Amino acid sequence: MDCDQITIRLAQPGDTRQAADLCGQLGYPTTADAVRERLAVIGQDGRHAVFVAEDAGHTVGWVHVYLCPLLVVGLQAEIGGLVADEDWRGRGVGRLLLERAESWVRERGVHELVVRSNVVRERAHVFYERAGYVCFKTSRVFRKAL
């Protein structure tokens, strides 16, 4: 499993089954049909991009990045999710995906990228800190079903 063979490209409809499997590894089980529908919506919105890491036709990771204009801080970008296949973790796939997301953000003239990471994801915290990210805030997330 050599990371030199990894290709980073925009997600395509054919990636949905493997992307759904990776969502499950991230802790968000879903179906290929649900991912297909989500990608269709995201693909129509130029403020979003989903990139996949591919090795020999197999998706081994993905990152969702999007622009979010906010009243309080202006335009920033955020990572909506990033996952490397559990068999590929620690081999540079996440770094390649993160670098591509950062490039996409810079190409749009945005100078800040935010990522949220669950407090229990200690390995992810180390990953982001090694990539130069700093923890600047701790929050609680609330949800209400409507």
N, C-alpha and C. Protein backbone atom coordinates (compact mmCIF):
# COMPACT_ATOMS: atom_id res chain seq x y z
N MET A 1 0.84 -1.18 0.00
CA MET A 1 0.00 0.00 0.00
C MET A 1 0.88 1.24 0.00
N ASP A 2 1.22 1.70 -1.19
CA ASP A 2 2.11 2.83 -1.36
C ASP A 2 1.30 4.07 -1.68
N CYS A 3 1.48 5.12 -0.88
CA CYS A 3 0.73 6.36 -1.07
C CYS A 3 1.15 7.09 -2.34
N ASP A 4 2.29 6.73 -2.93
CA ASP A 4 2.73 7.37 -4.16
C ASP A 4 1.79 7.07 -5.32
N GLN A 5 1.01 6.02 -5.21
CA GLN A 5 0.09 5.63 -6.28
C GLN A 5 -1.28 6.27 -6.14
N ILE A 6 -1.49 7.08 -5.11
CA ILE A 6 -2.79 7.68 -4.83
C ILE A 6 -3.06 8.83 -5.79
N THR A 7 -4.27 8.87 -6.31
CA THR A 7 -4.74 9.98 -7.14
C THR A 7 -5.85 10.69 -6.37
N ILE A 8 -5.80 12.01 -6.34
CA ILE A 8 -6.86 12.81 -5.72
C ILE A 8 -7.65 13.45 -6.85
N ARG A 9 -8.97 13.25 -6.83
CA ARG A 9 -9.83 13.80 -7.88
C ARG A 9 -11.20 14.11 -7.30
N LEU A 10 -11.99 14.86 -8.06
CA LEU A 10 -13.36 15.14 -7.63
C LEU A 10 -14.17 13.84 -7.59
N ALA A 11 -15.04 13.76 -6.62
CA ALA A 11 -15.92 12.58 -6.50
C ALA A 11 -16.85 12.50 -7.70
N GLN A 12 -17.18 11.28 -8.07
CA GLN A 12 -18.07 11.01 -9.19
C GLN A 12 -19.17 10.05 -8.72
N PRO A 13 -20.27 9.97 -9.46
CA PRO A 13 -21.37 9.08 -9.05
C PRO A 13 -20.93 7.64 -8.80
N GLY A 14 -19.93 7.15 -9.51
CA GLY A 14 -19.46 5.78 -9.32
C GLY A 14 -18.74 5.55 -8.00
N ASP A 15 -18.47 6.61 -7.26
CA ASP A 15 -17.76 6.49 -5.99
C ASP A 15 -18.69 6.26 -4.80
N THR A 16 -19.98 6.24 -5.04
CA THR A 16 -20.92 6.32 -3.92
C THR A 16 -20.88 5.10 -2.99
N ARG A 17 -20.72 3.91 -3.51
CA ARG A 17 -20.71 2.73 -2.62
C ARG A 17 -19.51 2.79 -1.68
N GLN A 18 -18.34 3.03 -2.24
CA GLN A 18 -17.14 3.08 -1.40
C GLN A 18 -17.17 4.30 -0.47
N ALA A 19 -17.69 5.42 -0.95
CA ALA A 19 -17.81 6.61 -0.09
C ALA A 19 -18.75 6.33 1.07
N ALA A 20 -19.84 5.60 0.81
CA ALA A 20 -20.78 5.25 1.88
C ALA A 20 -20.10 4.34 2.91
N ASP A 21 -19.30 3.39 2.45
CA ASP A 21 -18.57 2.52 3.38
C ASP A 21 -17.65 3.35 4.26
N LEU A 22 -16.99 4.35 3.68
CA LEU A 22 -16.10 5.21 4.45
C LEU A 22 -16.87 6.09 5.43
N CYS A 23 -18.07 6.51 5.05
CA CYS A 23 -18.92 7.25 6.00
C CYS A 23 -19.16 6.39 7.25
N GLY A 24 -19.41 5.10 7.03
CA GLY A 24 -19.60 4.19 8.16
C GLY A 24 -18.37 4.09 9.02
N GLN A 25 -17.18 4.05 8.40
CA GLN A 25 -15.94 4.00 9.17
C GLN A 25 -15.76 5.27 10.00
N LEU A 26 -16.30 6.37 9.50
CA LEU A 26 -16.21 7.65 10.21
C LEU A 26 -17.23 7.73 11.35
N GLY A 27 -18.16 6.79 11.36
CA GLY A 27 -19.18 6.78 12.42
C GLY A 27 -20.53 7.28 11.98
N TYR A 28 -20.71 7.42 10.66
CA TYR A 28 -21.97 7.90 10.10
C TYR A 28 -22.48 6.89 9.08
N PRO A 29 -23.03 5.76 9.55
CA PRO A 29 -23.49 4.74 8.59
C PRO A 29 -24.56 5.30 7.65
N THR A 30 -24.43 4.93 6.39
CA THR A 30 -25.37 5.40 5.38
C THR A 30 -25.37 4.41 4.23
N THR A 31 -26.15 4.72 3.21
CA THR A 31 -26.24 3.85 2.04
C THR A 31 -25.64 4.54 0.82
N ALA A 32 -25.32 3.74 -0.18
CA ALA A 32 -24.81 4.30 -1.44
C ALA A 32 -25.85 5.21 -2.08
N ASP A 33 -27.12 4.84 -2.00
CA ASP A 33 -28.17 5.69 -2.58
C ASP A 33 -28.23 7.05 -1.89
N ALA A 34 -28.10 7.06 -0.57
CA ALA A 34 -28.11 8.33 0.16
C ALA A 34 -26.91 9.19 -0.23
N VAL A 35 -25.74 8.58 -0.34
CA VAL A 35 -24.54 9.32 -0.74
C VAL A 35 -24.70 9.84 -2.16
N ARG A 36 -25.27 9.05 -3.04
CA ARG A 36 -25.50 9.47 -4.43
C ARG A 36 -26.38 10.73 -4.46
N GLU A 37 -27.44 10.72 -3.68
CA GLU A 37 -28.34 11.88 -3.61
C GLU A 37 -27.62 13.11 -3.05
N ARG A 38 -26.83 12.90 -2.00
CA ARG A 38 -26.10 14.02 -1.39
C ARG A 38 -25.07 14.59 -2.36
N LEU A 39 -24.34 13.71 -3.04
CA LEU A 39 -23.35 14.18 -4.01
C LEU A 39 -24.00 14.95 -5.15
N ALA A 40 -25.19 14.53 -5.55
CA ALA A 40 -25.90 15.24 -6.62
C ALA A 40 -26.21 16.68 -6.19
N VAL A 41 -26.64 16.86 -4.97
CA VAL A 41 -26.95 18.19 -4.46
C VAL A 41 -25.66 19.00 -4.32
N ILE A 42 -24.66 18.41 -3.68
CA ILE A 42 -23.38 19.09 -3.47
C ILE A 42 -22.75 19.48 -4.80
N GLY A 43 -22.83 18.58 -5.78
CA GLY A 43 -22.23 18.84 -7.08
C GLY A 43 -22.82 20.00 -7.83
N GLN A 44 -24.03 20.39 -7.48
CA GLN A 44 -24.69 21.53 -8.13
C GLN A 44 -24.38 22.85 -7.43
N ASP A 45 -23.68 22.79 -6.32
CA ASP A 45 -23.39 23.98 -5.53
C ASP A 45 -21.90 24.26 -5.57
N GLY A 46 -21.50 25.29 -6.27
CA GLY A 46 -20.10 25.62 -6.44
C GLY A 46 -19.37 25.99 -5.16
N ARG A 47 -20.10 26.11 -4.08
CA ARG A 47 -19.46 26.40 -2.78
C ARG A 47 -18.96 25.14 -2.10
N HIS A 48 -19.19 23.98 -2.69
CA HIS A 48 -18.81 22.69 -2.11
C HIS A 48 -17.95 21.90 -3.08
N ALA A 49 -17.09 21.06 -2.53
CA ALA A 49 -16.33 20.09 -3.34
C ALA A 49 -16.11 18.85 -2.49
N VAL A 50 -16.17 17.71 -3.14
CA VAL A 50 -15.82 16.44 -2.50
C VAL A 50 -14.73 15.82 -3.35
N PHE A 51 -13.60 15.58 -2.73
CA PHE A 51 -12.47 14.94 -3.39
C PHE A 51 -12.29 13.54 -2.83
N VAL A 52 -11.93 12.61 -3.70
CA VAL A 52 -11.65 11.25 -3.26
C VAL A 52 -10.19 10.92 -3.51
N ALA A 53 -9.66 10.07 -2.66
CA ALA A 53 -8.33 9.49 -2.86
C ALA A 53 -8.56 8.12 -3.45
N GLU A 54 -7.90 7.86 -4.56
CA GLU A 54 -8.13 6.61 -5.28
C GLU A 54 -6.81 5.86 -5.46
N ASP A 55 -6.87 4.57 -5.26
CA ASP A 55 -5.74 3.68 -5.51
C ASP A 55 -6.23 2.54 -6.39
N ALA A 56 -5.73 2.48 -7.60
CA ALA A 56 -6.07 1.40 -8.54
C ALA A 56 -7.59 1.21 -8.66
N GLY A 57 -8.31 2.32 -8.78
CA GLY A 57 -9.75 2.25 -8.96
C GLY A 57 -10.55 2.07 -7.69
N HIS A 58 -9.89 2.04 -6.56
CA HIS A 58 -10.58 1.85 -5.28
C HIS A 58 -10.48 3.13 -4.46
N THR A 59 -11.61 3.63 -3.99
CA THR A 59 -11.64 4.83 -3.16
C THR A 59 -11.14 4.49 -1.77
N VAL A 60 -10.07 5.18 -1.35
CA VAL A 60 -9.47 4.90 -0.04
C VAL A 60 -9.60 6.08 0.91
N GLY A 61 -10.34 7.10 0.51
CA GLY A 61 -10.59 8.24 1.38
C GLY A 61 -11.34 9.32 0.65
N TRP A 62 -11.90 10.24 1.41
CA TRP A 62 -12.55 11.40 0.81
C TRP A 62 -12.52 12.58 1.78
N VAL A 63 -12.67 13.77 1.21
CA VAL A 63 -12.79 14.99 1.99
C VAL A 63 -13.88 15.84 1.36
N HIS A 64 -14.74 16.40 2.20
CA HIS A 64 -15.77 17.35 1.77
C HIS A 64 -15.36 18.70 2.32
N VAL A 65 -15.23 19.68 1.46
CA VAL A 65 -14.86 21.04 1.86
C VAL A 65 -15.88 22.00 1.27
N TYR A 66 -16.19 23.05 2.02
CA TYR A 66 -17.18 24.00 1.52
C TYR A 66 -16.90 25.40 2.05
N LEU A 67 -17.38 26.37 1.28
CA LEU A 67 -17.30 27.77 1.68
C LEU A 67 -18.53 28.11 2.49
N CYS A 68 -18.32 28.89 3.54
CA CYS A 68 -19.48 29.30 4.35
C CYS A 68 -19.35 30.78 4.72
N PRO A 69 -20.17 31.60 4.09
CA PRO A 69 -20.19 33.01 4.45
C PRO A 69 -20.94 33.17 5.77
N LEU A 70 -20.30 33.81 6.73
CA LEU A 70 -20.90 34.00 8.04
C LEU A 70 -20.96 35.48 8.37
N LEU A 71 -22.01 35.88 9.00
CA LEU A 71 -22.17 37.28 9.40
C LEU A 71 -21.08 37.71 10.37
N VAL A 72 -20.73 36.83 11.30
CA VAL A 72 -19.80 37.21 12.37
C VAL A 72 -18.34 37.27 11.94
N VAL A 73 -17.93 36.50 10.96
CA VAL A 73 -16.52 36.48 10.56
C VAL A 73 -16.30 36.61 9.06
N GLY A 74 -17.34 36.71 8.28
CA GLY A 74 -17.18 36.78 6.84
C GLY A 74 -17.01 35.41 6.22
N LEU A 75 -16.40 35.39 5.05
CA LEU A 75 -16.26 34.14 4.30
C LEU A 75 -15.12 33.30 4.87
N GLN A 76 -15.43 32.07 5.18
CA GLN A 76 -14.42 31.10 5.57
C GLN A 76 -14.77 29.78 4.91
N ALA A 77 -13.91 28.82 5.06
CA ALA A 77 -14.16 27.49 4.53
C ALA A 77 -14.11 26.50 5.68
N GLU A 78 -14.81 25.41 5.48
CA GLU A 78 -14.86 24.39 6.53
C GLU A 78 -14.80 23.00 5.89
N ILE A 79 -14.19 22.10 6.62
CA ILE A 79 -14.19 20.70 6.21
C ILE A 79 -15.44 20.07 6.79
N GLY A 80 -16.26 19.51 5.92
CA GLY A 80 -17.49 18.85 6.35
C GLY A 80 -17.25 17.40 6.75
N GLY A 81 -16.12 16.86 6.36
CA GLY A 81 -15.75 15.50 6.72
C GLY A 81 -14.48 15.11 5.99
N LEU A 82 -13.70 14.28 6.64
CA LEU A 82 -12.48 13.75 6.03
C LEU A 82 -12.28 12.36 6.63
N VAL A 83 -12.07 11.39 5.76
CA VAL A 83 -11.85 10.02 6.24
C VAL A 83 -10.91 9.29 5.29
N ALA A 84 -9.99 8.54 5.88
CA ALA A 84 -9.15 7.61 5.13
C ALA A 84 -9.58 6.21 5.55
N ASP A 85 -9.59 5.30 4.60
CA ASP A 85 -9.92 3.91 4.89
C ASP A 85 -9.03 3.42 6.03
N GLU A 86 -9.63 2.65 6.94
CA GLU A 86 -8.88 2.21 8.12
C GLU A 86 -7.61 1.44 7.76
N ASP A 87 -7.60 0.78 6.61
CA ASP A 87 -6.40 0.06 6.17
C ASP A 87 -5.32 1.00 5.62
N TRP A 88 -5.69 2.25 5.37
CA TRP A 88 -4.75 3.21 4.78
C TRP A 88 -4.33 4.30 5.77
N ARG A 89 -4.88 4.30 6.96
CA ARG A 89 -4.57 5.37 7.91
C ARG A 89 -3.10 5.33 8.30
N GLY A 90 -2.54 6.52 8.47
CA GLY A 90 -1.14 6.64 8.82
C GLY A 90 -0.19 6.53 7.64
N ARG A 91 -0.73 6.49 6.42
CA ARG A 91 0.09 6.31 5.22
C ARG A 91 0.12 7.56 4.34
N GLY A 92 -0.53 8.64 4.76
CA GLY A 92 -0.47 9.88 4.00
C GLY A 92 -1.71 10.22 3.20
N VAL A 93 -2.70 9.34 3.18
CA VAL A 93 -3.92 9.60 2.41
C VAL A 93 -4.63 10.84 2.95
N GLY A 94 -4.79 10.92 4.25
CA GLY A 94 -5.45 12.07 4.86
C GLY A 94 -4.72 13.36 4.56
N ARG A 95 -3.40 13.31 4.62
CA ARG A 95 -2.58 14.50 4.32
C ARG A 95 -2.81 14.95 2.89
N LEU A 96 -2.82 14.02 1.93
CA LEU A 96 -3.07 14.37 0.54
C LEU A 96 -4.44 15.00 0.35
N LEU A 97 -5.45 14.43 0.99
CA LEU A 97 -6.80 14.97 0.89
C LEU A 97 -6.87 16.36 1.51
N LEU A 98 -6.25 16.53 2.67
CA LEU A 98 -6.25 17.83 3.34
C LEU A 98 -5.54 18.87 2.49
N GLU A 99 -4.43 18.52 1.90
CA GLU A 99 -3.70 19.45 1.03
C GLU A 99 -4.56 19.86 -0.17
N ARG A 100 -5.30 18.90 -0.73
CA ARG A 100 -6.16 19.24 -1.89
C ARG A 100 -7.30 20.16 -1.45
N ALA A 101 -7.87 19.91 -0.28
CA ALA A 101 -8.93 20.78 0.22
C ALA A 101 -8.37 22.19 0.45
N GLU A 102 -7.19 22.29 1.03
CA GLU A 102 -6.57 23.59 1.28
C GLU A 102 -6.32 24.33 -0.03
N SER A 103 -5.87 23.63 -1.05
CA SER A 103 -5.64 24.24 -2.36
C SER A 103 -6.94 24.77 -2.94
N TRP A 104 -8.00 23.98 -2.84
CA TRP A 104 -9.31 24.39 -3.36
C TRP A 104 -9.76 25.67 -2.67
N VAL A 105 -9.55 25.75 -1.37
CA VAL A 105 -9.93 26.94 -0.60
C VAL A 105 -9.11 28.15 -1.05
N ARG A 106 -7.80 27.99 -1.16
CA ARG A 106 -6.94 29.09 -1.61
C ARG A 106 -7.32 29.57 -3.00
N GLU A 107 -7.66 28.62 -3.90
CA GLU A 107 -8.06 28.97 -5.26
C GLU A 107 -9.28 29.89 -5.28
N ARG A 108 -10.05 29.87 -4.22
CA ARG A 108 -11.25 30.70 -4.12
C ARG A 108 -11.00 31.98 -3.32
N GLY A 109 -9.75 32.25 -3.02
CA GLY A 109 -9.39 33.48 -2.34
C GLY A 109 -9.72 33.51 -0.86
N VAL A 110 -9.96 32.36 -0.29
CA VAL A 110 -10.29 32.27 1.14
C VAL A 110 -9.01 31.93 1.89
N HIS A 111 -8.85 32.53 3.07
CA HIS A 111 -7.58 32.41 3.78
C HIS A 111 -7.70 31.67 5.11
N GLU A 112 -8.83 31.01 5.33
CA GLU A 112 -8.99 30.27 6.58
C GLU A 112 -9.81 29.02 6.33
N LEU A 113 -9.34 27.92 6.88
CA LEU A 113 -10.05 26.65 6.79
C LEU A 113 -10.25 26.13 8.20
N VAL A 114 -11.49 25.82 8.51
CA VAL A 114 -11.89 25.36 9.84
C VAL A 114 -12.26 23.88 9.74
N VAL A 115 -11.91 23.15 10.77
CA VAL A 115 -12.34 21.75 10.85
C VAL A 115 -12.82 21.49 12.27
N ARG A 116 -13.92 20.80 12.39
CA ARG A 116 -14.45 20.40 13.69
C ARG A 116 -14.14 18.93 13.88
N SER A 117 -13.75 18.55 15.07
CA SER A 117 -13.40 17.17 15.34
C SER A 117 -13.94 16.78 16.71
N ASN A 118 -14.67 15.70 16.75
CA ASN A 118 -15.25 15.22 18.00
C ASN A 118 -14.17 15.05 19.06
N VAL A 119 -14.50 15.36 20.30
CA VAL A 119 -13.52 15.30 21.38
C VAL A 119 -12.91 13.91 21.56
N VAL A 120 -13.60 12.87 21.14
CA VAL A 120 -13.08 11.51 21.31
C VAL A 120 -12.11 11.11 20.20
N ARG A 121 -11.97 11.90 19.17
CA ARG A 121 -11.10 11.56 18.03
C ARG A 121 -9.68 12.08 18.25
N GLU A 122 -9.03 11.55 19.25
CA GLU A 122 -7.71 12.04 19.63
C GLU A 122 -6.68 11.86 18.51
N ARG A 123 -6.76 10.77 17.79
CA ARG A 123 -5.82 10.54 16.68
C ARG A 123 -6.01 11.61 15.60
N ALA A 124 -7.27 11.98 15.34
CA ALA A 124 -7.55 13.04 14.36
C ALA A 124 -6.99 14.37 14.84
N HIS A 125 -7.08 14.63 16.14
CA HIS A 125 -6.56 15.90 16.67
C HIS A 125 -5.06 16.01 16.42
N VAL A 126 -4.35 14.92 16.66
CA VAL A 126 -2.90 14.90 16.41
C VAL A 126 -2.64 15.13 14.92
N PHE A 127 -3.41 14.49 14.06
CA PHE A 127 -3.28 14.65 12.61
C PHE A 127 -3.40 16.11 12.21
N TYR A 128 -4.46 16.78 12.68
CA TYR A 128 -4.67 18.18 12.31
C TYR A 128 -3.59 19.09 12.89
N GLU A 129 -3.17 18.83 14.11
CA GLU A 129 -2.11 19.65 14.71
C GLU A 129 -0.80 19.50 13.93
N ARG A 130 -0.50 18.30 13.49
CA ARG A 130 0.72 18.09 12.68
C ARG A 130 0.63 18.83 11.36
N ALA A 131 -0.59 19.03 10.87
CA ALA A 131 -0.80 19.74 9.61
C ALA A 131 -0.84 21.25 9.80
N GLY A 132 -0.63 21.72 11.04
CA GLY A 132 -0.56 23.15 11.29
C GLY A 132 -1.83 23.78 11.81
N TYR A 133 -2.83 22.99 12.09
CA TYR A 133 -4.09 23.52 12.63
C TYR A 133 -3.95 23.68 14.13
N VAL A 134 -4.61 24.70 14.67
CA VAL A 134 -4.60 24.93 16.11
C VAL A 134 -6.03 24.91 16.63
N CYS A 135 -6.20 24.33 17.79
CA CYS A 135 -7.50 24.31 18.43
C CYS A 135 -7.73 25.71 19.02
N PHE A 136 -8.77 26.38 18.55
CA PHE A 136 -9.02 27.74 19.02
C PHE A 136 -10.33 27.88 19.78
N LYS A 137 -11.10 26.80 19.87
CA LYS A 137 -12.40 26.92 20.51
C LYS A 137 -12.93 25.52 20.82
N THR A 138 -13.62 25.41 21.95
CA THR A 138 -14.32 24.19 22.30
C THR A 138 -15.80 24.53 22.38
N SER A 139 -16.63 23.72 21.75
CA SER A 139 -18.06 24.02 21.66
C SER A 139 -18.89 22.79 21.99
N ARG A 140 -20.14 23.02 22.21
CA ARG A 140 -21.13 21.95 22.25
C ARG A 140 -21.99 22.09 21.02
N VAL A 141 -22.40 20.99 20.49
CA VAL A 141 -23.25 21.00 19.29
C VAL A 141 -24.63 20.52 19.70
N PHE A 142 -25.64 21.29 19.36
CA PHE A 142 -27.01 20.96 19.70
C PHE A 142 -27.77 20.63 18.42
N ARG A 143 -28.73 19.73 18.54
CA ARG A 143 -29.54 19.36 17.38
C ARG A 143 -30.98 19.20 17.84
N LYS A 144 -31.89 19.54 16.95
CA LYS A 144 -33.32 19.35 17.21
C LYS A 144 -33.94 18.80 15.94
N ALA A 145 -34.62 17.69 16.04
CA ALA A 145 -35.31 17.13 14.89
C ALA A 145 -36.53 17.98 14.58
N LEU A 146 -36.71 18.31 13.34
CA LEU A 146 -37.85 19.14 12.92
C LEU A 146 -38.75 18.38 11.97
